């Protein structure tokens, strides 16, 4: 029996995916719900597509570090 994945938190879905990794239907359904929640607007560009990859990547990492502190 598949649970209502849309009502689960991301952490619960990740646990569900781990527990049902051998059940292809359950795994795919849960992964689809989890991926649909992703905010692709916050993804960063691939470093090789940047003009100056070293400084841009360093700036992105520093920004993330400052957010976590």
Protein backbone atom coordinates (compact mmCIF):
# COMPACT_ATOMS: atom_id res chain seq x y z
CA UNK A 1 0.00 0.00 0.00
CA UNK A 2 1.44 3.35 -1.05
CA UNK A 3 1.11 6.22 1.39
CA UNK A 4 -0.05 9.71 0.40
CA UNK A 5 3.32 11.07 -0.62
CA UNK A 6 2.03 14.61 -1.16
CA UNK A 7 1.28 14.96 2.55
CA UNK A 8 4.76 13.84 3.64
CA UNK A 9 7.61 16.17 4.44
CA UNK A 10 10.79 15.98 2.37
CA UNK A 11 12.54 14.15 5.20
CA UNK A 12 9.74 11.59 5.39
CA UNK A 13 9.83 11.08 1.61
CA UNK A 14 13.61 10.56 1.70
CA UNK A 15 13.15 7.95 4.43
CA UNK A 16 10.35 6.35 2.40
CA UNK A 17 12.59 6.22 -0.70
CA UNK A 18 15.33 4.58 1.36
CA UNK A 19 12.95 2.01 2.82
CA UNK A 20 11.37 1.21 -0.58
CA UNK A 21 14.47 1.29 -2.77
CA UNK A 22 13.71 -2.19 -4.11
CA UNK A 23 10.07 -1.40 -4.96
CA UNK A 24 10.41 0.34 -8.31
CA UNK A 25 6.87 1.76 -8.41
CA UNK A 26 7.00 3.20 -4.88
CA UNK A 27 10.54 4.48 -5.39
CA UNK A 28 9.66 6.29 -8.64
CA UNK A 29 6.47 7.80 -7.23
CA UNK A 30 8.24 9.15 -4.15
CA UNK A 31 11.19 10.45 -6.15
CA UNK A 32 8.81 12.21 -8.55
CA UNK A 33 7.08 14.00 -5.65
CA UNK A 34 10.42 14.97 -4.13
CA UNK A 35 11.79 16.29 -7.42
CA UNK A 36 8.59 18.24 -8.12
CA UNK A 37 9.25 20.20 -4.94
CA UNK A 38 12.70 21.30 -6.11
CA UNK A 39 13.16 24.98 -6.78
CA UNK A 40 15.17 24.97 -9.99
CA UNK A 41 15.42 28.76 -9.95
CA UNK A 42 17.95 28.53 -7.10
CA UNK A 43 20.28 26.22 -9.00
CA UNK A 44 23.62 27.68 -9.86
CA UNK A 45 25.17 27.57 -13.33
CA UNK A 46 27.69 24.95 -14.28
CA UNK A 47 31.16 26.42 -13.53
CA UNK A 48 32.51 25.92 -17.05
CA UNK A 49 29.72 28.13 -18.43
CA UNK A 50 30.92 31.08 -16.33
CA UNK A 51 33.31 33.78 -17.54
CA UNK A 52 35.59 33.51 -14.52
CA UNK A 53 34.75 30.15 -12.87
CA UNK A 54 37.20 30.34 -9.97
CA UNK A 55 36.01 33.66 -8.57
CA UNK A 56 32.33 32.96 -9.25
CA UNK A 57 32.43 29.55 -7.56
CA UNK A 58 34.36 31.01 -4.63
CA UNK A 59 31.74 33.77 -4.27
CA UNK A 60 28.92 31.20 -4.36
CA UNK A 61 30.60 29.07 -1.71
CA UNK A 62 31.27 32.05 0.54
CA UNK A 63 27.65 33.12 0.19
CA UNK A 64 26.46 29.65 1.25
CA UNK A 65 28.90 29.56 4.17
CA UNK A 66 27.74 32.95 5.39
CA UNK A 67 24.10 31.80 5.25
CA UNK A 68 24.79 28.79 7.46
CA UNK A 69 26.58 30.75 10.18
